[in-house]
Amino acid sequence: MERSDTYNELKEIRTSGVDELKPEIKSLKGISEIFKALSDDSRSKIVYMLSKKELCVGDIAYILDMNLQAVSYHLRMLKSQDIIKSRRAGKMIYYSLFDDYISNIIELAAQYRLGV
């Protein structure tokens, strides 16, 4: 057996079972954007709060002791990533999580951080 034959056989053994990962990896495109949005402490706190209860900008600003403009900025960023959604009730706008998937991520991260 020549060196190139051995190399090709080893390559086949190493890559067997790996090819099915390619489409999965390609489907993850953009996932880092979600983590970028959650990487800011204020935004991750907002998402955590919204996983517990629907809140308006004023409530979030009060709880985080932040000004309304800063909270609005973070809410816009989270909304642009489809992490949160809003609904209008008269003059008030209430925010909640887009779906339970993000809630699960935040809960797992909190458990990991607390060593649970």
PDB file of N, CA and C in Angstrom:
ATOM      1  N   MET A   1       0.842  -1.171   0.000  1.00  0.00           N
ATOM      2  CA  MET A   1       0.000   0.000   0.000  1.00  0.00           C
ATOM      3  C   MET A   1       0.894   1.244   0.000  1.00  0.00           C
ATOM      4  N   GLU A   2       0.594   2.183  -0.842  1.00  0.00           N
ATOM      5  CA  GLU A   2       1.381   3.397  -0.934  1.00  0.00           C
ATOM      6  C   GLU A   2       0.934   4.393   0.120  1.00  0.00           C
ATOM      7  N   ARG A   3       1.802   5.339   0.355  1.00  0.00           N
ATOM      8  CA  ARG A   3       1.533   6.359   1.373  1.00  0.00           C
ATOM      9  C   ARG A   3       0.231   7.100   1.091  1.00  0.00           C
ATOM     10  N   SER A   4      -0.030   7.461  -0.156  1.00  0.00           N
ATOM     11  CA  SER A   4      -1.243   8.214  -0.485  1.00  0.00           C
ATOM     12  C   SER A   4      -2.497   7.371  -0.244  1.00  0.00           C
ATOM     13  N   ASP A   5      -2.416   6.056  -0.480  1.00  0.00           N
ATOM     14  CA  ASP A   5      -3.556   5.178  -0.210  1.00  0.00           C
ATOM     15  C   ASP A   5      -3.863   5.149   1.288  1.00  0.00           C
ATOM     16  N   THR A   6      -2.833   5.051   2.098  1.00  0.00           N
ATOM     17  CA  THR A   6      -3.013   5.028   3.551  1.00  0.00           C
ATOM     18  C   THR A   6      -3.627   6.340   4.020  1.00  0.00           C
ATOM     19  N   TYR A   7      -3.128   7.443   3.488  1.00  0.00           N
ATOM     20  CA  TYR A   7      -3.662   8.752   3.848  1.00  0.00           C
ATOM     21  C   TYR A   7      -5.140   8.857   3.497  1.00  0.00           C
ATOM     22  N   ASN A   8      -5.502   8.410   2.302  1.00  0.00           N
ATOM     23  CA  ASN A   8      -6.900   8.472   1.874  1.00  0.00           C
ATOM     24  C   ASN A   8      -7.789   7.602   2.751  1.00  0.00           C
ATOM     25  N   GLU A   9      -7.303   6.422   3.152  1.00  0.00           N
ATOM     26  CA  GLU A   9      -8.082   5.555   4.034  1.00  0.00           C
ATOM     27  C   GLU A   9      -8.284   6.210   5.398  1.00  0.00           C
ATOM     28  N   LEU A  10      -7.221   6.795   5.938  1.00  0.00           N
ATOM     29  CA  LEU A  10      -7.326   7.480   7.231  1.00  0.00           C
ATOM     30  C   LEU A  10      -8.283   8.668   7.144  1.00  0.00           C
ATOM     31  N   LYS A  11      -8.214   9.389   6.040  1.00  0.00           N
ATOM     32  CA  LYS A  11      -9.092  10.533   5.844  1.00  0.00           C
ATOM     33  C   LYS A  11     -10.549  10.088   5.817  1.00  0.00           C
ATOM     34  N   GLU A  12     -10.839   8.976   5.149  1.00  0.00           N
ATOM     35  CA  GLU A  12     -12.207   8.450   5.096  1.00  0.00           C
ATOM     36  C   GLU A  12     -12.692   8.052   6.486  1.00  0.00           C
ATOM     37  N   ILE A  13     -11.812   7.429   7.263  1.00  0.00           N
ATOM     38  CA  ILE A  13     -12.198   7.017   8.623  1.00  0.00           C
ATOM     39  C   ILE A  13     -12.490   8.244   9.480  1.00  0.00           C
ATOM     40  N   ARG A  14     -11.636   9.263   9.402  1.00  0.00           N
ATOM     41  CA  ARG A  14     -11.815  10.465  10.209  1.00  0.00           C
ATOM     42  C   ARG A  14     -13.061  11.239   9.835  1.00  0.00           C
ATOM     43  N   THR A  15     -13.416  11.280   8.565  1.00  0.00           N
ATOM     44  CA  THR A  15     -14.546  12.090   8.139  1.00  0.00           C
ATOM     45  C   THR A  15     -15.865  11.329   8.140  1.00  0.00           C
ATOM     46  N   SER A  16     -15.817  10.012   8.371  1.00  0.00           N
ATOM     47  CA  SER A  16     -17.081   9.281   8.398  1.00  0.00           C
ATOM     48  C   SER A  16     -17.886   9.752   9.606  1.00  0.00           C
ATOM     49  N   GLY A  17     -19.123  10.069   9.379  1.00  0.00           N
ATOM     50  CA  GLY A  17     -19.977  10.570  10.444  1.00  0.00           C
ATOM     51  C   GLY A  17     -19.850  12.064  10.666  1.00  0.00           C
ATOM     52  N   VAL A  18     -18.987  12.723   9.940  1.00  0.00           N
ATOM     53  CA  VAL A  18     -18.778  14.153  10.110  1.00  0.00           C
ATOM     54  C   VAL A  18     -19.571  14.957   9.081  1.00  0.00           C
ATOM     55  N   ASP A  19     -19.785  14.365   7.925  1.00  0.00           N
ATOM     56  CA  ASP A  19     -20.456  15.079   6.849  1.00  0.00           C
ATOM     57  C   ASP A  19     -21.852  15.563   7.229  1.00  0.00           C
ATOM     58  N   GLU A  20     -22.539  14.815   8.089  1.00  0.00           N
ATOM     59  CA  GLU A  20     -23.895  15.258   8.456  1.00  0.00           C
ATOM     60  C   GLU A  20     -23.888  16.507   9.335  1.00  0.00           C
ATOM     61  N   LEU A  21     -22.734  16.861   9.874  1.00  0.00           N
ATOM     62  CA  LEU A  21     -22.637  18.088  10.668  1.00  0.00           C
ATOM     63  C   LEU A  21     -22.636  19.345   9.798  1.00  0.00           C
ATOM     64  N   LYS A  22     -22.196  19.223   8.560  1.00  0.00           N
ATOM     65  CA  LYS A  22     -22.089  20.397   7.693  1.00  0.00           C
ATOM     66  C   LYS A  22     -23.391  21.172   7.570  1.00  0.00           C
ATOM     67  N   PRO A  23     -24.515  20.528   7.231  1.00  0.00           N
ATOM     68  CA  PRO A  23     -25.759  21.306   7.110  1.00  0.00           C
ATOM     69  C   PRO A  23     -26.191  21.915   8.448  1.00  0.00           C
ATOM     70  N   GLU A  24     -25.946  21.186   9.539  1.00  0.00           N
ATOM     71  CA  GLU A  24     -26.308  21.723  10.856  1.00  0.00           C
ATOM     72  C   GLU A  24     -25.508  22.979  11.160  1.00  0.00           C
ATOM     73  N   ILE A  25     -24.223  22.945  10.880  1.00  0.00           N
ATOM     74  CA  ILE A  25     -23.362  24.090  11.138  1.00  0.00           C
ATOM     75  C   ILE A  25     -23.780  25.283  10.286  1.00  0.00           C
ATOM     76  N   LYS A  26     -24.122  25.033   9.044  1.00  0.00           N
ATOM     77  CA  LYS A  26     -24.567  26.118   8.168  1.00  0.00           C
ATOM     78  C   LYS A  26     -25.868  26.736   8.665  1.00  0.00           C
ATOM     79  N   SER A  27     -26.721  25.924   9.289  1.00  0.00           N
ATOM     80  CA  SER A  27     -27.999  26.449   9.781  1.00  0.00           C
ATOM     81  C   SER A  27     -27.828  27.327  11.015  1.00  0.00           C
ATOM     82  N   LEU A  28     -26.658  27.317  11.628  1.00  0.00           N
ATOM     83  CA  LEU A  28     -26.391  28.131  12.809  1.00  0.00           C
ATOM     84  C   LEU A  28     -25.960  29.549  12.471  1.00  0.00           C
ATOM     85  N   LYS A  29     -25.898  29.855  11.185  1.00  0.00           N
ATOM     86  CA  LYS A  29     -25.479  31.193  10.773  1.00  0.00           C
ATOM     87  C   LYS A  29     -26.358  32.245  11.449  1.00  0.00           C
ATOM     88  N   GLY A  30     -25.731  33.209  12.068  1.00  0.00           N
ATOM     89  CA  GLY A  30     -26.464  34.277  12.738  1.00  0.00           C
ATOM     90  C   GLY A  30     -26.718  34.043  14.214  1.00  0.00           C
ATOM     91  N   ILE A  31     -26.397  32.853  14.705  1.00  0.00           N
ATOM     92  CA  ILE A  31     -26.653  32.569  16.116  1.00  0.00           C
ATOM     93  C   ILE A  31     -25.819  33.463  17.031  1.00  0.00           C
ATOM     94  N   SER A  32     -24.652  33.864  16.563  1.00  0.00           N
ATOM     95  CA  SER A  32     -23.803  34.728  17.383  1.00  0.00           C
ATOM     96  C   SER A  32     -24.464  36.077  17.634  1.00  0.00           C
ATOM     97  N   GLU A  33     -25.343  36.502  16.725  1.00  0.00           N
ATOM     98  CA  GLU A  33     -26.053  37.771  16.921  1.00  0.00           C
ATOM     99  C   GLU A  33     -26.945  37.721  18.160  1.00  0.00           C
ATOM    100  N   ILE A  34     -27.532  36.578  18.417  1.00  0.00           N
ATOM    101  CA  ILE A  34     -28.364  36.428  19.614  1.00  0.00           C
ATOM    102  C   ILE A  34     -27.496  36.563  20.856  1.00  0.00           C
ATOM    103  N   PHE A  35     -26.343  35.898  20.835  1.00  0.00           N
ATOM    104  CA  PHE A  35     -25.459  35.972  21.988  1.00  0.00           C
ATOM    105  C   PHE A  35     -24.856  37.360  22.153  1.00  0.00           C
ATOM    106  N   LYS A  36     -24.617  38.059  21.051  1.00  0.00           N
ATOM    107  CA  LYS A  36     -24.151  39.447  21.148  1.00  0.00           C
ATOM    108  C   LYS A  36     -25.205  40.303  21.834  1.00  0.00           C
ATOM    109  N   ALA A  37     -26.456  40.105  21.453  1.00  0.00           N
ATOM    110  CA  ALA A  37     -27.536  40.884  22.060  1.00  0.00           C
ATOM    111  C   ALA A  37     -27.656  40.585  23.552  1.00  0.00           C
ATOM    112  N   LEU A  38     -27.413  39.347  23.930  1.00  0.00           N
ATOM    113  CA  LEU A  38     -27.523  38.962  25.337  1.00  0.00           C
ATOM    114  C   LEU A  38     -26.239  39.216  26.124  1.00  0.00           C
ATOM    115  N   SER A  39     -25.156  39.596  25.445  1.00  0.00           N
ATOM    116  CA  SER A  39     -23.869  39.743  26.116  1.00  0.00           C
ATOM    117  C   SER A  39     -23.785  40.985  27.000  1.00  0.00           C
ATOM    118  N   ASP A  40     -24.643  41.937  26.792  1.00  0.00           N
ATOM    119  CA  ASP A  40     -24.672  43.136  27.630  1.00  0.00           C
ATOM    120  C   ASP A  40     -25.447  42.831  28.909  1.00  0.00           C
ATOM    121  N   ASP A  41     -24.891  43.204  30.058  1.00  0.00           N
ATOM    122  CA  ASP A  41     -25.544  42.911  31.343  1.00  0.00           C
ATOM    123  C   ASP A  41     -26.952  43.496  31.437  1.00  0.00           C
ATOM    124  N   SER A  42     -27.116  44.732  30.976  1.00  0.00           N
ATOM    125  CA  SER A  42     -28.445  45.356  31.048  1.00  0.00           C
ATOM    126  C   SER A  42     -29.450  44.584  30.206  1.00  0.00           C
ATOM    127  N   ARG A  43     -29.053  44.191  29.001  1.00  0.00           N
ATOM    128  CA  ARG A  43     -29.973  43.452  28.137  1.00  0.00           C
ATOM    129  C   ARG A  43     -30.285  42.071  28.694  1.00  0.00           C
ATOM    130  N   SER A  44     -29.279  41.399  29.241  1.00  0.00           N
ATOM    131  CA  SER A  44     -29.564  40.078  29.808  1.00  0.00           C
ATOM    132  C   SER A  44     -30.475  40.198  31.025  1.00  0.00           C
ATOM    133  N   LYS A  45     -30.321  41.265  31.799  1.00  0.00           N
ATOM    134  CA  LYS A  45     -31.226  41.493  32.936  1.00  0.00           C
ATOM    135  C   LYS A  45     -32.648  41.788  32.445  1.00  0.00           C
ATOM    136  N   ILE A  46     -32.752  42.574  31.391  1.00  0.00           N
ATOM    137  CA  ILE A  46     -34.072  42.871  30.820  1.00  0.00           C
ATOM    138  C   ILE A  46     -34.736  41.582  30.344  1.00  0.00           C
ATOM    139  N   VAL A  47     -33.983  40.756  29.647  1.00  0.00           N
ATOM    140  CA  VAL A  47     -34.546  39.496  29.155  1.00  0.00           C
ATOM    141  C   VAL A  47     -34.955  38.613  30.327  1.00  0.00           C
ATOM    142  N   TYR A  48     -34.140  38.567  31.361  1.00  0.00           N
ATOM    143  CA  TYR A  48     -34.498  37.771  32.541  1.00  0.00           C
ATOM    144  C   TYR A  48     -35.805  38.278  33.144  1.00  0.00           C
ATOM    145  N   MET A  49     -35.928  39.596  33.311  1.00  0.00           N
ATOM    146  CA  MET A  49     -37.161  40.163  33.877  1.00  0.00           C
ATOM    147  C   MET A  49     -38.367  39.843  33.007  1.00  0.00           C
ATOM    148  N   LEU A  50     -38.172  39.960  31.692  1.00  0.00           N
ATOM    149  CA  LEU A  50     -39.282  39.694  30.781  1.00  0.00           C
ATOM    150  C   LEU A  50     -39.628  38.208  30.712  1.00  0.00           C
ATOM    151  N   SER A  51     -38.705  37.356  31.147  1.00  0.00           N
ATOM    152  CA  SER A  51     -39.029  35.928  31.208  1.00  0.00           C
ATOM    153  C   SER A  51     -39.956  35.645  32.390  1.00  0.00           C
ATOM    154  N   LYS A  52     -40.000  36.595  33.330  1.00  0.00           N
ATOM    155  CA  LYS A  52     -40.839  36.437  34.514  1.00  0.00           C
ATOM    156  C   LYS A  52     -42.170  37.179  34.396  1.00  0.00           C
ATOM    157  N   LYS A  53     -42.133  38.325  33.679  1.00  0.00           N
ATOM    158  CA  LYS A  53     -43.324  39.176  33.658  1.00  0.00           C
ATOM    159  C   LYS A  53     -43.262  40.167  32.501  1.00  0.00           C
ATOM    160  N   GLU A  54     -44.410  40.455  31.920  1.00  0.00           N
ATOM    161  CA  GLU A  54     -44.523  41.498  30.905  1.00  0.00           C
ATOM    162  C   GLU A  54     -44.346  42.855  31.597  1.00  0.00           C
ATOM    163  N   LEU A  55     -43.515  43.721  31.006  1.00  0.00           N
ATOM    164  CA  LEU A  55     -43.216  45.012  31.633  1.00  0.00           C
ATOM    165  C   LEU A  55     -43.218  46.135  30.606  1.00  0.00           C
ATOM    166  N   CYS A  56     -43.425  47.362  31.081  1.00  0.00           N
ATOM    167  CA  CYS A  56     -43.311  48.539  30.226  1.00  0.00           C
ATOM    168  C   CYS A  56     -41.933  49.173  30.441  1.00  0.00           C
ATOM    169  N   VAL A  57     -41.586  50.134  29.611  1.00  0.00           N
ATOM    170  CA  VAL A  57     -40.277  50.777  29.688  1.00  0.00           C
ATOM    171  C   VAL A  57     -40.047  51.387  31.064  1.00  0.00           C
ATOM    172  N   GLY A  58     -41.060  52.038  31.591  1.00  0.00           N
ATOM    173  CA  GLY A  58     -40.932  52.678  32.904  1.00  0.00           C
ATOM    174  C   GLY A  58     -40.630  51.676  34.006  1.00  0.00           C
ATOM    175  N   ASP A  59     -41.299  50.526  33.964  1.00  0.00           N
ATOM    176  CA  ASP A  59     -41.037  49.475  34.964  1.00  0.00           C
ATOM    177  C   ASP A  59     -39.591  48.995  34.876  1.00  0.00           C
ATOM    178  N   ILE A  60     -39.134  48.753  33.657  1.00  0.00           N
ATOM    179  CA  ILE A  60     -37.772  48.260  33.457  1.00  0.00           C
ATOM    180  C   ILE A  60     -36.760  49.300  33.926  1.00  0.00           C
ATOM    181  N   ALA A  61     -36.991  50.567  33.566  1.00  0.00           N
ATOM    182  CA  ALA A  61     -36.090  51.647  33.981  1.00  0.00           C
ATOM    183  C   ALA A  61     -36.039  51.750  35.506  1.00  0.00           C
ATOM    184  N   TYR A  62     -37.178  51.630  36.139  1.00  0.00           N
ATOM    185  CA  TYR A  62     -37.235  51.704  37.605  1.00  0.00           C
ATOM    186  C   TYR A  62     -36.468  50.546  38.253  1.00  0.00           C
ATOM    187  N   ILE A  63     -36.717  49.333  37.781  1.00  0.00           N
ATOM    188  CA  ILE A  63     -36.070  48.153  38.368  1.00  0.00           C
ATOM    189  C   ILE A  63     -34.557  48.202  38.179  1.00  0.00           C
ATOM    190  N   LEU A  64     -34.099  48.622  37.000  1.00  0.00           N
ATOM    191  CA  LEU A  64     -32.668  48.661  36.713  1.00  0.00           C
ATOM    192  C   LEU A  64     -32.007  49.974  37.114  1.00  0.00           C
ATOM    193  N   ASP A  65     -32.813  50.928  37.572  1.00  0.00           N
ATOM    194  CA  ASP A  65     -32.304  52.258  37.934  1.00  0.00           C
ATOM    195  C   ASP A  65     -31.552  52.879  36.756  1.00  0.00           C
ATOM    196  N   MET A  66     -32.217  52.854  35.590  1.00  0.00           N
ATOM    197  CA  MET A  66     -31.663  53.411  34.356  1.00  0.00           C
ATOM    198  C   MET A  66     -32.613  54.469  33.816  1.00  0.00           C
ATOM    199  N   ASN A  67     -32.098  55.330  32.930  1.00  0.00           N
ATOM    200  CA  ASN A  67     -33.007  56.306  32.321  1.00  0.00           C
ATOM    201  C   ASN A  67     -33.784  55.648  31.179  1.00  0.00           C
ATOM    202  N   LEU A  68     -34.891  56.271  30.807  1.00  0.00           N
ATOM    203  CA  LEU A  68     -35.789  55.703  29.799  1.00  0.00           C
ATOM    204  C   LEU A  68     -35.117  55.543  28.436  1.00  0.00           C
ATOM    205  N   GLN A  69     -34.252  56.498  28.069  1.00  0.00           N
ATOM    206  CA  GLN A  69     -33.587  56.427  26.768  1.00  0.00           C
ATOM    207  C   GLN A  69     -32.670  55.209  26.681  1.00  0.00           C
ATOM    208  N   ALA A  70     -31.939  54.931  27.752  1.00  0.00           N
ATOM    209  CA  ALA A  70     -31.040  53.774  27.759  1.00  0.00           C
ATOM    210  C   ALA A  70     -31.836  52.476  27.656  1.00  0.00           C
ATOM    211  N   VAL A  71     -32.931  52.395  28.397  1.00  0.00           N
ATOM    212  CA  VAL A  71     -33.769  51.194  28.348  1.00  0.00           C
ATOM    213  C   VAL A  71     -34.361  51.030  26.952  1.00  0.00           C
ATOM    214  N   SER A  72     -34.836  52.110  26.375  1.00  0.00           N
ATOM    215  CA  SER A  72     -35.411  52.051  25.025  1.00  0.00           C
ATOM    216  C   SER A  72     -34.382  51.568  24.006  1.00  0.00           C
ATOM    217  N   TYR A  73     -33.151  52.029  24.138  1.00  0.00           N
ATOM    218  CA  TYR A  73     -32.075  51.579  23.250  1.00  0.00           C
ATOM    219  C   TYR A  73     -31.907  50.062  23.345  1.00  0.00           C
ATOM    220  N   HIS A  74     -31.835  49.537  24.559  1.00  0.00           N
ATOM    221  CA  HIS A  74     -31.660  48.094  24.750  1.00  0.00           C
ATOM    222  C   HIS A  74     -32.870  47.316  24.235  1.00  0.00           C
ATOM    223  N   LEU A  75     -34.049  47.844  24.446  1.00  0.00           N
ATOM    224  CA  LEU A  75     -35.263  47.177  23.961  1.00  0.00           C
ATOM    225  C   LEU A  75     -35.276  47.114  22.430  1.00  0.00           C
ATOM    226  N   ARG A  76     -34.852  48.202  21.778  1.00  0.00           N
ATOM    227  CA  ARG A  76     -34.793  48.201  20.305  1.00  0.00           C
ATOM    228  C   ARG A  76     -33.833  47.126  19.799  1.00  0.00           C
ATOM    229  N   MET A  77     -32.681  47.011  20.457  1.00  0.00           N
ATOM    230  CA  MET A  77     -31.712  46.009  20.033  1.00  0.00           C
ATOM    231  C   MET A  77     -32.276  44.603  20.213  1.00  0.00           C
ATOM    232  N   LEU A  78     -32.909  44.338  21.338  1.00  0.00           N
ATOM    233  CA  LEU A  78     -33.497  43.019  21.597  1.00  0.00           C
ATOM    234  C   LEU A  78     -34.631  42.722  20.617  1.00  0.00           C
ATOM    235  N   LYS A  79     -35.403  43.744  20.314  1.00  0.00           N
ATOM    236  CA  LYS A  79     -36.521  43.562  19.377  1.00  0.00           C
ATOM    237  C   LYS A  79     -36.010  43.308  17.960  1.00  0.00           C
ATOM    238  N   SER A  80     -34.915  43.935  17.584  1.00  0.00           N
ATOM    239  CA  SER A  80     -34.363  43.738  16.233  1.00  0.00           C
ATOM    240  C   SER A  80     -33.865  42.314  16.032  1.00  0.00           C
ATOM    241  N   GLN A  81     -33.554  41.614  17.106  1.00  0.00           N
ATOM    242  CA  GLN A  81     -33.112  40.227  17.035  1.00  0.00           C
ATOM    243  C   GLN A  81     -34.261  39.244  17.287  1.00  0.00           C
ATOM    244  N   ASP A  82     -35.472  39.754  17.356  1.00  0.00           N
ATOM    245  CA  ASP A  82     -36.663  38.933  17.629  1.00  0.00           C
ATOM    246  C   ASP A  82     -36.548  38.176  18.953  1.00  0.00           C
ATOM    247  N   ILE A  83     -35.920  38.805  19.926  1.00  0.00           N
ATOM    248  CA  ILE A  83     -35.824  38.216  21.253  1.00  0.00           C
ATOM    249  C   ILE A  83     -37.024  38.636  22.089  1.00  0.00           C
ATOM    250  N   ILE A  84     -37.491  39.858  21.872  1.00  0.00           N
ATOM    251  CA  ILE A  84     -38.672  40.353  22.584  1.00  0.00           C
ATOM    252  C   ILE A  84     -39.698  40.844  21.576  1.00  0.00           C
ATOM    253  N   LYS A  85     -40.913  41.025  22.074  1.00  0.00           N
ATOM    254  CA  LYS A  85     -41.992  41.591  21.260  1.00  0.00           C
ATOM    255  C   LYS A  85     -42.695  42.635  22.114  1.00  0.00           C
ATOM    256  N   SER A  86     -43.520  43.432  21.463  1.00  0.00           N
ATOM    257  CA  SER A  86     -44.240  44.478  22.193  1.00  0.00           C
ATOM    258  C   SER A  86     -45.715  44.445  21.812  1.00  0.00           C
ATOM    259  N   ARG A  87     -46.499  44.980  22.719  1.00  0.00           N
ATOM    260  CA  ARG A  87     -47.930  45.168  22.440  1.00  0.00           C
ATOM    261  C   ARG A  87     -48.349  46.498  23.027  1.00  0.00           C
ATOM    262  N   ARG A  88     -49.247  47.147  22.334  1.00  0.00           N
ATOM    263  CA  ARG A  88     -49.728  48.449  22.776  1.00  0.00           C
ATOM    264  C   ARG A  88     -51.060  48.281  23.496  1.00  0.00           C
ATOM    265  N   ALA A  89     -51.169  48.981  24.620  1.00  0.00           N
ATOM    266  CA  ALA A  89     -52.428  49.046  25.373  1.00  0.00           C
ATOM    267  C   ALA A  89     -52.666  50.521  25.673  1.00  0.00           C
ATOM    268  N   GLY A  90     -53.438  51.170  24.821  1.00  0.00           N
ATOM    269  CA  GLY A  90     -53.630  52.612  24.948  1.00  0.00           C
ATOM    270  C   GLY A  90     -52.335  53.330  24.631  1.00  0.00           C
ATOM    271  N   LYS A  91     -51.864  54.140  25.561  1.00  0.00           N
ATOM    272  CA  LYS A  91     -50.606  54.857  25.365  1.00  0.00           C
ATOM    273  C   LYS A  91     -49.392  54.044  25.818  1.00  0.00           C
ATOM    274  N   MET A  92     -49.625  52.955  26.495  1.00  0.00           N
ATOM    275  CA  MET A  92     -48.537  52.149  27.057  1.00  0.00           C
ATOM    276  C   MET A  92     -48.102  51.056  26.071  1.00  0.00           C
ATOM    277  N   ILE A  93     -46.817  50.768  26.090  1.00  0.00           N
ATOM    278  CA  ILE A  93     -46.282  49.655  25.315  1.00  0.00           C
ATOM    279  C   ILE A  93     -45.674  48.672  26.308  1.00  0.00           C
ATOM    280  N   TYR A  94     -46.108  47.439  26.215  1.00  0.00           N
ATOM    281  CA  TYR A  94     -45.623  46.389  27.111  1.00  0.00           C
ATOM    282  C   TYR A  94     -44.737  45.426  26.326  1.00  0.00           C
ATOM    283  N   TYR A  95     -43.696  44.986  26.983  1.00  0.00           N
ATOM    284  CA  TYR A  95     -42.720  44.093  26.356  1.00  0.00           C
ATOM    285  C   TYR A  95     -42.747  42.732  27.020  1.00  0.00           C
ATOM    286  N   SER A  96     -42.539  41.711  26.198  1.00  0.00           N
ATOM    287  CA  SER A  96     -42.453  40.338  26.681  1.00  0.00           C
ATOM    288  C   SER A  96     -41.503  39.583  25.760  1.00  0.00           C
ATOM    289  N   LEU A  97     -41.165  38.377  26.138  1.00  0.00           N
ATOM    290  CA  LEU A  97     -40.275  37.578  25.300  1.00  0.00           C
ATOM    291  C   LEU A  97     -41.008  37.110  24.055  1.00  0.00           C
ATOM    292  N   PHE A  98     -40.277  37.003  22.979  1.00  0.00           N
ATOM    293  CA  PHE A  98     -40.841  36.565  21.704  1.00  0.00           C
ATOM    294  C   PHE A  98     -41.352  35.134  21.805  1.00  0.00           C
ATOM    295  N   ASP A  99     -40.590  34.273  22.479  1.00  0.00           N
ATOM    296  CA  ASP A  99     -41.022  32.894  22.694  1.00  0.00           C
ATOM    297  C   ASP A  99     -40.280  32.313  23.893  1.00  0.00           C
ATOM    298  N   ASP A 100     -40.576  31.071  24.233  1.00  0.00           N
ATOM    299  CA  ASP A 100     -39.985  30.444  25.416  1.00  0.00           C
ATOM    300  C   ASP A 100     -38.544  29.976  25.212  1.00  0.00           C
ATOM    301  N   TYR A 101     -38.084  29.922  23.975  1.00  0.00           N
ATOM    302  CA  TYR A 101     -36.718  29.458  23.731  1.00  0.00           C
ATOM    303  C   TYR A 101     -35.694  30.346  24.435  1.00  0.00           C
ATOM    304  N   ILE A 102     -35.874  31.654  24.314  1.00  0.00           N
ATOM    305  CA  ILE A 102     -34.948  32.591  24.962  1.00  0.00           C
ATOM    306  C   ILE A 102     -35.059  32.466  26.475  1.00  0.00           C
ATOM    307  N   SER A 103     -36.259  32.270  26.966  1.00  0.00           N
ATOM    308  CA  SER A 103     -36.450  32.068  28.407  1.00  0.00           C
ATOM    309  C   SER A 103     -35.652  30.863  28.885  1.00  0.00           C
ATOM    310  N   ASN A 104     -35.661  29.795  28.107  1.00  0.00           N
ATOM    311  CA  ASN A 104     -34.889  28.592  28.453  1.00  0.00           C
ATOM    312  C   ASN A 104     -33.397  28.869  28.476  1.00  0.00           C
ATOM    313  N   ILE A 105     -32.915  29.639  27.506  1.00  0.00           N
ATOM    314  CA  ILE A 105     -31.491  29.978  27.455  1.00  0.00           C
ATOM    315  C   ILE A 105     -31.104  30.773  28.701  1.00  0.00           C
ATOM    316  N   ILE A 106     -31.905  31.760  29.046  1.00  0.00           N
ATOM    317  CA  ILE A 106     -31.612  32.600  30.214  1.00  0.00           C
ATOM    318  C   ILE A 106     -31.664  31.772  31.492  1.00  0.00           C
ATOM    319  N   GLU A 107     -32.649  30.901  31.604  1.00  0.00           N
ATOM    320  CA  GLU A 107     -32.763  30.053  32.795  1.00  0.00           C
ATOM    321  C   GLU A 107     -31.559  29.122  32.930  1.00  0.00           C
ATOM    322  N   LEU A 108     -31.141  28.527  31.820  1.00  0.00           N
ATOM    323  CA  LEU A 108     -29.954  27.651  31.853  1.00  0.00           C
ATOM    324  C   LEU A 108     -28.699  28.438  32.216  1.00  0.00           C
ATOM    325  N   ALA A 109     -28.558  29.629  31.663  1.00  0.00           N
ATOM    326  CA  ALA A 109     -27.393  30.456  31.973  1.00  0.00           C
ATOM    327  C   ALA A 109     -27.385  30.849  33.450  1.00  0.00           C
ATOM    328  N   ALA A 110     -28.558  31.181  33.991  1.00  0.00           N
ATOM    329  CA  ALA A 110     -28.655  31.537  35.412  1.00  0.00           C
ATOM    330  C   ALA A 110     -28.310  30.329  36.291  1.00  0.00           C
ATOM    331  N   GLN A 111     -28.798  29.165  35.939  1.00  0.00           N
ATOM    332  CA  GLN A 111     -28.478  27.964  36.697  1.00  0.00           C
ATOM    333  C   GLN A 111     -26.988  27.657  36.626  1.00  0.00           C
ATOM    334  N   TYR A 112     -26.415  27.821  35.446  1.00  0.00           N
ATOM    335  CA  TYR A 112     -24.976  27.582  35.274  1.00  0.00           C
ATOM    336  C   TYR A 112     -24.174  28.559  36.148  1.00  0.00           C
ATOM    337  N   ARG A 113     -24.570  29.827  36.108  1.00  0.00           N
ATOM    338  CA  ARG A 113     -23.869  30.859  36.869  1.00  0.00           C
ATOM    339  C   ARG A 113     -23.965  30.613  38.371  1.00  0.00           C
ATOM    340  N   LEU A 114     -25.101  30.129  38.817  1.00  0.00           N
ATOM    341  CA  LEU A 114     -25.314  29.881  40.247  1.00  0.00           C
ATOM    342  C   LEU A 114     -24.785  28.526  40.676  1.00  0.00           C
ATOM    343  N   GLY A 115     -24.327  27.722  39.713  1.00  0.00           N
ATOM    344  CA  GLY A 115     -23.774  26.418  40.043  1.00  0.00           C
ATOM    345  C   GLY A 115     -24.815  25.376  40.388  1.00  0.00           C
ATOM    346  N   VAL A 116     -26.025  25.563  39.867  1.00  0.00           N
ATOM    347  CA  VAL A 116     -27.114  24.623  40.141  1.00  0.00           C
ATOM    348  C   VAL A 116     -26.987  23.412  39.259  1.00  0.00           C
TER     349      VAL A 116
END
